[in-house]
Amino acid sequence: MSLDTVAEDIKDDARERAERIERETDERVEEIRAEAQADADDILAERERDLETRIEQEREQKLSSAKLEAKQKRLEARRDSLAAVRERAESAVADISGDRREALTRELLDDAAREFDGGSIEVYGRADDADLIESILDDYEDFSHAGSVECLGGIVAENEASRVRVNNTFDSVFDAVWDEELKAVSDRLFDQ
């Protein structure tokens, strides 16, 4: 074997080794590139999931806020409607007149009279009902008209000796009935 042949064999061997190293390097580079691409895809998918989750949470929050605001507006509208109904009903009660007003006032006074064990009873009522109250009190012994109170009608009776005060105004009766019937009124108004 000549020196040229040995040199040629070494060159061939070196070329083959270089080609093999180059192939292995290309394969390794491709593996690294594929791993990097897979990692990038995973990171991108995770970020997309996070973003979708955040978007869904924000959508749920906004939807929840909108529902709450709508509910508050409905409740406010209902309160306003109930307040208007109550105001009209109070006005109708205040406008009761004639024999009906006298009968109701007399009934409230009779009911209050049962609470007292005697003594001097002072009776208060709406200023516009002063004449009516005085005429009714003519039928009661030891009862006197003592002045006016702000109310829709009816009476407030008190006895200083026994420290008893009975509020039998149309207002107090109206409030009690309103509290008892509020749900029924609301159901009827809002068709629940």
N, C-alpha and C. Protein backbone atom coordinates (compact mmCIF):
# COMPACT_ATOMS: atom_id res chain seq x y z
N MET A 1 0.81 -1.16 0.00
CA MET A 1 0.00 0.00 0.00
C MET A 1 0.86 1.23 0.00
N SER A 2 0.47 2.03 -0.78
CA SER A 2 1.28 3.21 -0.91
C SER A 2 0.78 4.29 0.02
N LEU A 3 1.60 5.22 0.17
CA LEU A 3 1.29 6.35 1.04
C LEU A 3 0.09 7.11 0.49
N ASP A 4 -0.03 7.18 -0.76
CA ASP A 4 -1.16 7.87 -1.36
C ASP A 4 -2.45 7.12 -1.03
N THR A 5 -2.39 5.82 -1.04
CA THR A 5 -3.58 5.02 -0.76
C THR A 5 -3.97 5.19 0.70
N VAL A 6 -2.99 5.16 1.57
CA VAL A 6 -3.27 5.32 3.00
C VAL A 6 -3.86 6.72 3.22
N ALA A 7 -3.29 7.71 2.59
CA ALA A 7 -3.78 9.07 2.76
C ALA A 7 -5.20 9.17 2.23
N GLU A 8 -5.43 8.49 1.10
CA GLU A 8 -6.75 8.52 0.51
C GLU A 8 -7.74 7.81 1.44
N ASP A 9 -7.34 6.66 2.02
CA ASP A 9 -8.21 5.94 2.95
C ASP A 9 -8.53 6.80 4.17
N ILE A 10 -7.53 7.51 4.68
CA ILE A 10 -7.72 8.37 5.85
C ILE A 10 -8.68 9.49 5.48
N LYS A 11 -8.49 10.05 4.28
CA LYS A 11 -9.38 11.13 3.83
C LYS A 11 -10.81 10.61 3.69
N ASP A 12 -10.91 9.40 3.08
CA ASP A 12 -12.25 8.83 2.91
C ASP A 12 -12.90 8.58 4.27
N ASP A 13 -12.10 8.03 5.14
CA ASP A 13 -12.59 7.74 6.49
C ASP A 13 -13.00 9.04 7.19
N ALA A 14 -12.19 10.06 7.04
CA ALA A 14 -12.48 11.37 7.65
C ALA A 14 -13.74 11.97 7.04
N ARG A 15 -13.87 11.82 5.70
CA ARG A 15 -15.07 12.33 5.04
C ARG A 15 -16.32 11.61 5.56
N GLU A 16 -16.22 10.27 5.63
CA GLU A 16 -17.35 9.49 6.11
C GLU A 16 -17.72 9.91 7.54
N ARG A 17 -16.66 10.05 8.37
CA ARG A 17 -16.90 10.47 9.75
C ARG A 17 -17.50 11.88 9.76
N ALA A 18 -17.05 12.76 8.97
CA ALA A 18 -17.56 14.13 8.89
C ALA A 18 -19.02 14.11 8.42
N GLU A 19 -19.27 13.26 7.40
CA GLU A 19 -20.64 13.15 6.89
C GLU A 19 -21.56 12.57 7.98
N ARG A 20 -21.04 11.52 8.68
CA ARG A 20 -21.83 10.92 9.75
C ARG A 20 -22.08 11.95 10.85
N ILE A 21 -21.05 12.69 11.24
CA ILE A 21 -21.19 13.72 12.28
C ILE A 21 -22.17 14.79 11.81
N GLU A 22 -22.07 15.14 10.53
CA GLU A 22 -22.97 16.15 9.98
C GLU A 22 -24.42 15.63 10.00
N ARG A 23 -24.60 14.32 9.60
CA ARG A 23 -25.94 13.72 9.64
C ARG A 23 -26.46 13.68 11.06
N GLU A 24 -25.59 13.23 11.99
CA GLU A 24 -26.00 13.15 13.40
C GLU A 24 -26.32 14.55 13.93
N THR A 25 -25.49 15.53 13.54
CA THR A 25 -25.73 16.91 13.96
C THR A 25 -27.06 17.40 13.38
N ASP A 26 -27.29 17.12 12.08
CA ASP A 26 -28.56 17.53 11.46
C ASP A 26 -29.75 16.86 12.17
N GLU A 27 -29.59 15.55 12.47
CA GLU A 27 -30.65 14.83 13.17
C GLU A 27 -30.88 15.44 14.55
N ARG A 28 -29.78 15.71 15.26
CA ARG A 28 -29.90 16.30 16.61
C ARG A 28 -30.51 17.69 16.53
N VAL A 29 -30.09 18.46 15.54
CA VAL A 29 -30.65 19.80 15.35
C VAL A 29 -32.16 19.67 15.08
N GLU A 30 -32.53 18.69 14.25
CA GLU A 30 -33.94 18.47 13.94
C GLU A 30 -34.71 18.04 15.19
N GLU A 31 -34.09 17.17 16.02
CA GLU A 31 -34.72 16.76 17.27
C GLU A 31 -34.92 17.96 18.20
N ILE A 32 -33.88 18.77 18.33
CA ILE A 32 -33.94 19.96 19.19
C ILE A 32 -35.01 20.92 18.66
N ARG A 33 -35.02 21.09 17.34
CA ARG A 33 -36.01 21.97 16.72
C ARG A 33 -37.41 21.42 16.98
N ALA A 34 -37.61 20.11 16.83
CA ALA A 34 -38.92 19.48 17.05
C ALA A 34 -39.33 19.63 18.52
N GLU A 35 -38.37 19.41 19.45
CA GLU A 35 -38.66 19.58 20.87
C GLU A 35 -39.04 21.03 21.17
N ALA A 36 -38.29 21.95 20.60
CA ALA A 36 -38.56 23.37 20.81
C ALA A 36 -39.94 23.74 20.25
N GLN A 37 -40.25 23.18 19.07
CA GLN A 37 -41.55 23.44 18.47
C GLN A 37 -42.66 22.85 19.34
N ALA A 38 -42.45 21.63 19.86
CA ALA A 38 -43.44 20.99 20.73
C ALA A 38 -43.62 21.81 22.01
N ASP A 39 -42.49 22.27 22.60
CA ASP A 39 -42.58 23.12 23.80
C ASP A 39 -43.32 24.41 23.49
N ALA A 40 -43.00 25.01 22.34
CA ALA A 40 -43.68 26.24 21.95
C ALA A 40 -45.17 25.99 21.74
N ASP A 41 -45.51 24.87 21.11
CA ASP A 41 -46.92 24.52 20.91
C ASP A 41 -47.62 24.33 22.25
N ASP A 42 -46.93 23.64 23.20
CA ASP A 42 -47.51 23.43 24.53
C ASP A 42 -47.73 24.76 25.25
N ILE A 43 -46.70 25.62 25.18
CA ILE A 43 -46.82 26.93 25.83
C ILE A 43 -47.94 27.73 25.19
N LEU A 44 -48.02 27.70 23.88
CA LEU A 44 -49.08 28.42 23.18
C LEU A 44 -50.45 27.86 23.55
N ALA A 45 -50.58 26.54 23.59
CA ALA A 45 -51.86 25.92 23.96
C ALA A 45 -52.24 26.29 25.39
N GLU A 46 -51.26 26.28 26.29
CA GLU A 46 -51.53 26.64 27.70
C GLU A 46 -51.96 28.09 27.80
N ARG A 47 -51.27 28.96 27.08
CA ARG A 47 -51.65 30.38 27.10
C ARG A 47 -53.05 30.59 26.51
N GLU A 48 -53.35 29.84 25.46
CA GLU A 48 -54.68 29.94 24.87
C GLU A 48 -55.74 29.47 25.86
N ARG A 49 -55.45 28.35 26.57
CA ARG A 49 -56.40 27.87 27.59
C ARG A 49 -56.57 28.91 28.69
N ASP A 50 -55.44 29.47 29.16
CA ASP A 50 -55.51 30.52 30.19
C ASP A 50 -56.33 31.70 29.71
N LEU A 51 -56.08 32.11 28.48
CA LEU A 51 -56.80 33.24 27.91
C LEU A 51 -58.30 32.93 27.78
N GLU A 52 -58.63 31.72 27.31
CA GLU A 52 -60.03 31.32 27.19
C GLU A 52 -60.70 31.29 28.57
N THR A 53 -59.95 30.77 29.56
CA THR A 53 -60.48 30.73 30.93
C THR A 53 -60.73 32.14 31.43
N ARG A 54 -59.77 33.03 31.22
CA ARG A 54 -59.92 34.41 31.67
C ARG A 54 -61.08 35.10 30.95
N ILE A 55 -61.20 34.85 29.65
CA ILE A 55 -62.29 35.44 28.88
C ILE A 55 -63.62 34.92 29.41
N GLU A 56 -63.71 33.61 29.68
CA GLU A 56 -64.94 33.02 30.20
C GLU A 56 -65.28 33.60 31.58
N GLN A 57 -64.25 33.77 32.43
CA GLN A 57 -64.48 34.34 33.76
C GLN A 57 -64.99 35.78 33.64
N GLU A 58 -64.36 36.55 32.78
CA GLU A 58 -64.80 37.94 32.60
C GLU A 58 -66.22 38.00 32.02
N ARG A 59 -66.51 37.09 31.08
CA ARG A 59 -67.84 37.03 30.51
C ARG A 59 -68.86 36.69 31.59
N GLU A 60 -68.53 35.71 32.44
CA GLU A 60 -69.42 35.32 33.54
C GLU A 60 -69.60 36.48 34.52
N GLN A 61 -68.51 37.19 34.82
CA GLN A 61 -68.61 38.32 35.74
C GLN A 61 -69.50 39.41 35.15
N LYS A 62 -69.30 39.71 33.89
CA LYS A 62 -70.11 40.76 33.25
C LYS A 62 -71.57 40.32 33.16
N LEU A 63 -71.78 39.06 32.84
CA LEU A 63 -73.14 38.55 32.77
C LEU A 63 -73.79 38.59 34.14
N SER A 64 -73.04 38.19 35.15
CA SER A 64 -73.54 38.22 36.52
C SER A 64 -73.85 39.65 36.95
N SER A 65 -72.96 40.58 36.62
CA SER A 65 -73.19 42.00 36.95
C SER A 65 -74.42 42.53 36.24
N ALA A 66 -74.56 42.16 34.98
CA ALA A 66 -75.72 42.63 34.21
C ALA A 66 -77.02 42.05 34.79
N LYS A 67 -76.98 40.78 35.18
CA LYS A 67 -78.17 40.17 35.78
C LYS A 67 -78.50 40.85 37.11
N LEU A 68 -77.47 41.11 37.91
CA LEU A 68 -77.69 41.77 39.20
C LEU A 68 -78.26 43.17 38.99
N GLU A 69 -77.70 43.90 38.04
CA GLU A 69 -78.19 45.26 37.76
C GLU A 69 -79.64 45.22 37.27
N ALA A 70 -79.94 44.25 36.42
CA ALA A 70 -81.32 44.12 35.92
C ALA A 70 -82.27 43.77 37.07
N LYS A 71 -81.82 42.89 37.95
CA LYS A 71 -82.65 42.51 39.09
C LYS A 71 -82.87 43.71 40.00
N GLN A 72 -81.81 44.49 40.23
CA GLN A 72 -81.95 45.69 41.07
C GLN A 72 -82.92 46.69 40.44
N LYS A 73 -82.85 46.84 39.13
CA LYS A 73 -83.76 47.77 38.46
C LYS A 73 -85.20 47.26 38.54
N ARG A 74 -85.39 45.93 38.39
CA ARG A 74 -86.73 45.38 38.54
C ARG A 74 -87.26 45.61 39.95
N LEU A 75 -86.40 45.36 40.94
CA LEU A 75 -86.83 45.55 42.33
C LEU A 75 -87.14 47.02 42.60
N GLU A 76 -86.32 47.90 42.04
CA GLU A 76 -86.56 49.34 42.21
C GLU A 76 -87.88 49.74 41.56
N ALA A 77 -88.14 49.21 40.38
CA ALA A 77 -89.41 49.51 39.69
C ALA A 77 -90.59 48.96 40.50
N ARG A 78 -90.40 47.77 41.07
CA ARG A 78 -91.47 47.20 41.91
C ARG A 78 -91.69 48.05 43.15
N ARG A 79 -90.59 48.47 43.78
CA ARG A 79 -90.73 49.33 44.97
C ARG A 79 -91.45 50.61 44.61
N ASP A 80 -91.08 51.21 43.48
CA ASP A 80 -91.74 52.44 43.05
C ASP A 80 -93.23 52.19 42.79
N SER A 81 -93.54 51.08 42.13
CA SER A 81 -94.93 50.75 41.85
C SER A 81 -95.70 50.52 43.15
N LEU A 82 -95.11 49.76 44.07
CA LEU A 82 -95.77 49.52 45.36
C LEU A 82 -95.95 50.82 46.14
N ALA A 83 -94.95 51.69 46.08
CA ALA A 83 -95.06 52.98 46.76
C ALA A 83 -96.20 53.81 46.16
N ALA A 84 -96.33 53.76 44.84
CA ALA A 84 -97.42 54.51 44.18
C ALA A 84 -98.78 53.92 44.56
N VAL A 85 -98.86 52.59 44.61
CA VAL A 85 -100.11 51.94 45.01
C VAL A 85 -100.45 52.31 46.45
N ARG A 86 -99.42 52.26 47.30
CA ARG A 86 -99.65 52.59 48.72
C ARG A 86 -100.12 54.04 48.85
N GLU A 87 -99.48 54.93 48.12
CA GLU A 87 -99.85 56.35 48.19
C GLU A 87 -101.31 56.55 47.75
N ARG A 88 -101.71 55.87 46.67
CA ARG A 88 -103.10 55.98 46.21
C ARG A 88 -104.06 55.39 47.24
N ALA A 89 -103.67 54.27 47.85
CA ALA A 89 -104.53 53.64 48.85
C ALA A 89 -104.65 54.54 50.08
N GLU A 90 -103.53 55.14 50.53
CA GLU A 90 -103.59 56.06 51.67
C GLU A 90 -104.48 57.25 51.36
N SER A 91 -104.37 57.74 50.14
CA SER A 91 -105.20 58.87 49.72
C SER A 91 -106.68 58.48 49.75
N ALA A 92 -106.98 57.26 49.30
CA ALA A 92 -108.37 56.78 49.31
C ALA A 92 -108.88 56.66 50.74
N VAL A 93 -108.01 56.18 51.65
CA VAL A 93 -108.40 56.07 53.06
C VAL A 93 -108.64 57.46 53.65
N ALA A 94 -107.74 58.39 53.35
CA ALA A 94 -107.89 59.76 53.87
C ALA A 94 -109.16 60.42 53.34
N ASP A 95 -109.59 60.02 52.15
CA ASP A 95 -110.77 60.63 51.54
C ASP A 95 -112.10 60.01 51.98
N ILE A 96 -112.04 58.98 52.82
CA ILE A 96 -113.29 58.40 53.33
C ILE A 96 -114.06 59.50 54.05
N SER A 97 -115.34 59.58 53.76
CA SER A 97 -116.11 60.68 54.35
C SER A 97 -117.49 60.22 54.78
N GLY A 98 -118.22 61.16 55.35
CA GLY A 98 -119.62 60.94 55.69
C GLY A 98 -119.84 59.85 56.73
N ASP A 99 -120.92 59.10 56.53
CA ASP A 99 -121.32 58.06 57.50
C ASP A 99 -120.24 56.99 57.65
N ARG A 100 -119.57 56.67 56.57
CA ARG A 100 -118.53 55.64 56.64
C ARG A 100 -117.39 56.11 57.53
N ARG A 101 -116.98 57.36 57.40
CA ARG A 101 -115.90 57.90 58.24
C ARG A 101 -116.34 57.90 59.70
N GLU A 102 -117.57 58.32 59.93
CA GLU A 102 -118.08 58.36 61.30
C GLU A 102 -118.11 56.94 61.88
N ALA A 103 -118.61 55.98 61.13
CA ALA A 103 -118.71 54.60 61.63
C ALA A 103 -117.32 54.03 61.94
N LEU A 104 -116.36 54.26 61.06
CA LEU A 104 -115.00 53.76 61.30
C LEU A 104 -114.37 54.43 62.51
N THR A 105 -114.54 55.74 62.64
CA THR A 105 -113.97 56.47 63.77
C THR A 105 -114.61 56.00 65.08
N ARG A 106 -115.92 55.81 65.06
CA ARG A 106 -116.64 55.33 66.25
C ARG A 106 -116.14 53.93 66.63
N GLU A 107 -115.96 53.07 65.64
CA GLU A 107 -115.48 51.70 65.90
C GLU A 107 -114.07 51.72 66.50
N LEU A 108 -113.21 52.57 65.98
CA LEU A 108 -111.85 52.68 66.53
C LEU A 108 -111.87 53.25 67.95
N LEU A 109 -112.76 54.19 68.22
CA LEU A 109 -112.89 54.75 69.57
C LEU A 109 -113.45 53.70 70.53
N ASP A 110 -114.45 52.93 70.09
CA ASP A 110 -114.99 51.84 70.92
C ASP A 110 -113.89 50.85 71.28
N ASP A 111 -113.09 50.48 70.30
CA ASP A 111 -112.00 49.53 70.52
C ASP A 111 -110.98 50.10 71.51
N ALA A 112 -110.67 51.38 71.39
CA ALA A 112 -109.71 52.02 72.30
C ALA A 112 -110.29 52.12 73.71
N ALA A 113 -111.57 52.39 73.82
CA ALA A 113 -112.22 52.56 75.14
C ALA A 113 -112.09 51.29 75.97
N ARG A 114 -112.05 50.13 75.34
CA ARG A 114 -111.93 48.86 76.07
C ARG A 114 -110.57 48.73 76.77
N GLU A 115 -109.61 49.51 76.37
CA GLU A 115 -108.26 49.43 76.95
C GLU A 115 -108.13 50.21 78.26
N PHE A 116 -109.12 51.03 78.58
CA PHE A 116 -109.02 51.89 79.75
C PHE A 116 -109.93 51.39 80.87
N ASP A 117 -109.43 51.57 82.12
CA ASP A 117 -110.21 51.15 83.30
C ASP A 117 -110.89 52.34 83.97
N GLY A 118 -111.14 53.35 83.24
CA GLY A 118 -111.79 54.53 83.81
C GLY A 118 -110.84 55.71 83.83
N GLY A 119 -111.28 56.77 84.44
CA GLY A 119 -110.48 57.98 84.49
C GLY A 119 -110.76 58.86 83.29
N SER A 120 -110.08 59.97 83.26
CA SER A 120 -110.25 60.94 82.20
C SER A 120 -109.42 60.53 80.98
N ILE A 121 -110.07 60.39 79.85
CA ILE A 121 -109.41 59.96 78.62
C ILE A 121 -109.37 61.13 77.64
N GLU A 122 -108.16 61.41 77.14
CA GLU A 122 -108.00 62.47 76.15
C GLU A 122 -107.91 61.82 74.77
N VAL A 123 -108.64 62.39 73.84
CA VAL A 123 -108.71 61.83 72.49
C VAL A 123 -108.18 62.86 71.49
N TYR A 124 -107.32 62.37 70.62
CA TYR A 124 -106.73 63.21 69.56
C TYR A 124 -107.14 62.62 68.22
N GLY A 125 -107.21 63.47 67.22
CA GLY A 125 -107.57 62.99 65.88
C GLY A 125 -107.07 63.97 64.82
N ARG A 126 -107.40 63.66 63.61
CA ARG A 126 -107.02 64.53 62.50
C ARG A 126 -107.71 65.87 62.66
N ALA A 127 -107.01 66.95 62.38
CA ALA A 127 -107.57 68.30 62.56
C ALA A 127 -108.89 68.46 61.80
N ASP A 128 -108.97 67.91 60.59
CA ASP A 128 -110.19 68.02 59.79
C ASP A 128 -111.36 67.25 60.40
N ASP A 129 -111.07 66.32 61.33
CA ASP A 129 -112.12 65.51 61.96
C ASP A 129 -112.52 66.02 63.34
N ALA A 130 -112.08 67.21 63.73
CA ALA A 130 -112.34 67.71 65.08
C ALA A 130 -113.84 67.73 65.40
N ASP A 131 -114.67 68.27 64.51
CA ASP A 131 -116.12 68.33 64.75
C ASP A 131 -116.71 66.92 64.85
N LEU A 132 -116.27 66.03 63.99
CA LEU A 132 -116.76 64.65 64.00
C LEU A 132 -116.39 63.98 65.32
N ILE A 133 -115.16 64.12 65.75
CA ILE A 133 -114.71 63.48 67.00
C ILE A 133 -115.48 64.06 68.19
N GLU A 134 -115.66 65.38 68.22
CA GLU A 134 -116.39 65.99 69.34
C GLU A 134 -117.84 65.49 69.38
N SER A 135 -118.46 65.32 68.21
CA SER A 135 -119.85 64.84 68.21
C SER A 135 -119.92 63.38 68.67
N ILE A 136 -118.95 62.57 68.29
CA ILE A 136 -118.91 61.17 68.74
C ILE A 136 -118.65 61.10 70.24
N LEU A 137 -117.77 61.96 70.73
CA LEU A 137 -117.40 61.93 72.15
C LEU A 137 -118.56 62.33 73.07
N ASP A 138 -119.59 62.96 72.52
CA ASP A 138 -120.78 63.29 73.32
C ASP A 138 -121.39 62.02 73.90
N ASP A 139 -121.17 60.87 73.24
CA ASP A 139 -121.73 59.59 73.69
C ASP A 139 -120.82 58.87 74.70
N TYR A 140 -119.69 59.45 75.03
CA TYR A 140 -118.73 58.81 75.94
C TYR A 140 -118.53 59.66 77.18
N GLU A 141 -118.61 59.03 78.32
CA GLU A 141 -118.40 59.73 79.59
C GLU A 141 -116.90 59.74 79.89
N ASP A 142 -116.40 60.84 80.39
CA ASP A 142 -114.98 61.03 80.76
C ASP A 142 -114.03 61.04 79.57
N PHE A 143 -114.53 61.19 78.35
CA PHE A 143 -113.68 61.31 77.17
C PHE A 143 -113.78 62.75 76.68
N SER A 144 -112.60 63.32 76.34
CA SER A 144 -112.63 64.70 75.83
C SER A 144 -111.67 64.83 74.65
N HIS A 145 -112.05 65.72 73.76
CA HIS A 145 -111.19 65.99 72.60
C HIS A 145 -110.04 66.88 73.07
N ALA A 146 -108.80 66.41 72.84
CA ALA A 146 -107.64 67.12 73.38
C ALA A 146 -106.79 67.79 72.31
N GLY A 147 -107.12 67.60 71.05
CA GLY A 147 -106.33 68.26 70.02
C GLY A 147 -106.16 67.37 68.79
N SER A 148 -105.19 67.74 67.98
CA SER A 148 -105.02 67.01 66.72
C SER A 148 -103.66 66.32 66.64
N VAL A 149 -103.64 65.30 65.83
CA VAL A 149 -102.40 64.59 65.49
C VAL A 149 -102.38 64.43 63.97
N GLU A 150 -101.21 64.31 63.43
CA GLU A 150 -101.05 64.13 61.98
C GLU A 150 -101.38 62.68 61.64
N CYS A 151 -102.49 62.47 60.96
CA CYS A 151 -102.88 61.11 60.57
C CYS A 151 -103.93 61.18 59.48
N LEU A 152 -104.26 60.02 58.93
CA LEU A 152 -105.28 59.93 57.87
C LEU A 152 -106.68 60.01 58.44
N GLY A 153 -106.82 59.69 59.70
CA GLY A 153 -108.12 59.66 60.37
C GLY A 153 -108.02 58.73 61.56
N GLY A 154 -109.16 58.52 62.24
CA GLY A 154 -109.15 57.68 63.42
C GLY A 154 -108.79 58.49 64.65
N ILE A 155 -108.34 57.79 65.71
CA ILE A 155 -108.08 58.49 66.97
C ILE A 155 -106.83 57.94 67.66
N VAL A 156 -106.32 58.77 68.56
CA VAL A 156 -105.31 58.36 69.53
C VAL A 156 -105.91 58.74 70.88
N ALA A 157 -105.99 57.75 71.77
CA ALA A 157 -106.58 58.01 73.09
C ALA A 157 -105.51 57.72 74.14
N GLU A 158 -105.51 58.58 75.20
CA GLU A 158 -104.55 58.34 76.28
C GLU A 158 -105.13 58.74 77.62
N ASN A 159 -104.61 58.09 78.62
CA ASN A 159 -105.02 58.33 79.99
C ASN A 159 -103.75 58.55 80.79
N GLU A 160 -103.56 59.75 81.29
CA GLU A 160 -102.36 60.08 82.06
C GLU A 160 -102.27 59.27 83.33
N ALA A 161 -103.39 59.00 83.98
CA ALA A 161 -103.38 58.29 85.25
C ALA A 161 -102.82 56.88 85.08
N SER A 162 -103.24 56.17 84.06
CA SER A 162 -102.77 54.79 83.88
C SER A 162 -101.64 54.70 82.86
N ARG A 163 -101.27 55.85 82.31
CA ARG A 163 -100.19 55.94 81.33
C ARG A 163 -100.39 54.99 80.15
N VAL A 164 -101.61 54.88 79.72
CA VAL A 164 -101.96 54.04 78.57
C VAL A 164 -102.21 54.96 77.39
N ARG A 165 -101.67 54.56 76.25
CA ARG A 165 -101.90 55.32 75.02
C ARG A 165 -102.27 54.31 73.94
N VAL A 166 -103.40 54.53 73.30
CA VAL A 166 -103.88 53.63 72.25
C VAL A 166 -103.90 54.39 70.93
N ASN A 167 -103.15 53.87 69.96
CA ASN A 167 -103.10 54.48 68.63
C ASN A 167 -104.03 53.69 67.72
N ASN A 168 -105.22 54.19 67.54
CA ASN A 168 -106.20 53.58 66.64
C ASN A 168 -106.49 54.53 65.48
N THR A 169 -105.42 54.95 64.83
CA THR A 169 -105.59 55.82 63.67
C THR A 169 -105.80 54.96 62.43
N PHE A 170 -106.33 55.56 61.40
CA PHE A 170 -106.44 54.85 60.12
C PHE A 170 -105.04 54.41 59.68
N ASP A 171 -104.05 55.25 59.98
CA ASP A 171 -102.66 54.95 59.60
C ASP A 171 -102.19 53.63 60.20
N SER A 172 -102.43 53.46 61.52
CA SER A 172 -101.95 52.24 62.18
C SER A 172 -102.67 51.01 61.64
N VAL A 173 -103.97 51.14 61.38
CA VAL A 173 -104.72 50.02 60.80
C VAL A 173 -104.22 49.76 59.38
N PHE A 174 -104.04 50.82 58.63
CA PHE A 174 -103.56 50.69 57.25
C PHE A 174 -102.19 50.02 57.22
N ASP A 175 -101.28 50.45 58.10
CA ASP A 175 -99.94 49.86 58.15
C ASP A 175 -100.01 48.36 58.45
N ALA A 176 -100.84 47.98 59.40
CA ALA A 176 -100.97 46.56 59.75
C ALA A 176 -101.51 45.76 58.57
N VAL A 177 -102.53 46.28 57.92
CA VAL A 177 -103.12 45.58 56.77
C VAL A 177 -102.11 45.54 55.62
N TRP A 178 -101.43 46.63 55.40
CA TRP A 178 -100.43 46.69 54.32
C TRP A 178 -99.35 45.63 54.55
N ASP A 179 -98.83 45.55 55.78
CA ASP A 179 -97.80 44.57 56.09
C ASP A 179 -98.30 43.14 55.87
N GLU A 180 -99.55 42.89 56.27
CA GLU A 180 -100.12 41.55 56.12
C GLU A 180 -100.36 41.20 54.65
N GLU A 181 -100.75 42.17 53.87
CA GLU A 181 -101.17 41.91 52.49
C GLU A 181 -100.14 42.28 51.43
N LEU A 182 -98.97 42.74 51.86
CA LEU A 182 -97.97 43.21 50.90
C LEU A 182 -97.61 42.14 49.87
N LYS A 183 -97.40 40.91 50.31
CA LYS A 183 -97.05 39.85 49.37
C LYS A 183 -98.19 39.61 48.37
N ALA A 184 -99.41 39.58 48.84
CA ALA A 184 -100.55 39.37 47.94
C ALA A 184 -100.68 40.53 46.95
N VAL A 185 -100.48 41.75 47.44
CA VAL A 185 -100.55 42.93 46.56
C VAL A 185 -99.44 42.83 45.51
N SER A 186 -98.25 42.50 45.96
CA SER A 186 -97.11 42.37 45.04
C SER A 186 -97.34 41.27 44.02
N ASP A 187 -97.83 40.12 44.48
CA ASP A 187 -98.11 39.02 43.55
C ASP A 187 -99.15 39.43 42.52
N ARG A 188 -100.15 40.14 42.96
CA ARG A 188 -101.21 40.55 42.04
C ARG A 188 -100.71 41.59 41.04
N LEU A 189 -99.92 42.53 41.53
CA LEU A 189 -99.40 43.57 40.64
C LEU A 189 -98.41 43.01 39.62
N PHE A 190 -97.58 42.09 40.08
CA PHE A 190 -96.49 41.63 39.23
C PHE A 190 -96.70 40.22 38.71
N ASP A 191 -97.92 39.71 38.88
CA ASP A 191 -98.34 38.44 38.27
C ASP A 191 -97.34 37.31 38.50
N GLN A 192 -97.06 37.05 39.77
CA GLN A 192 -96.06 36.02 40.09
C GLN A 192 -96.74 34.69 40.33
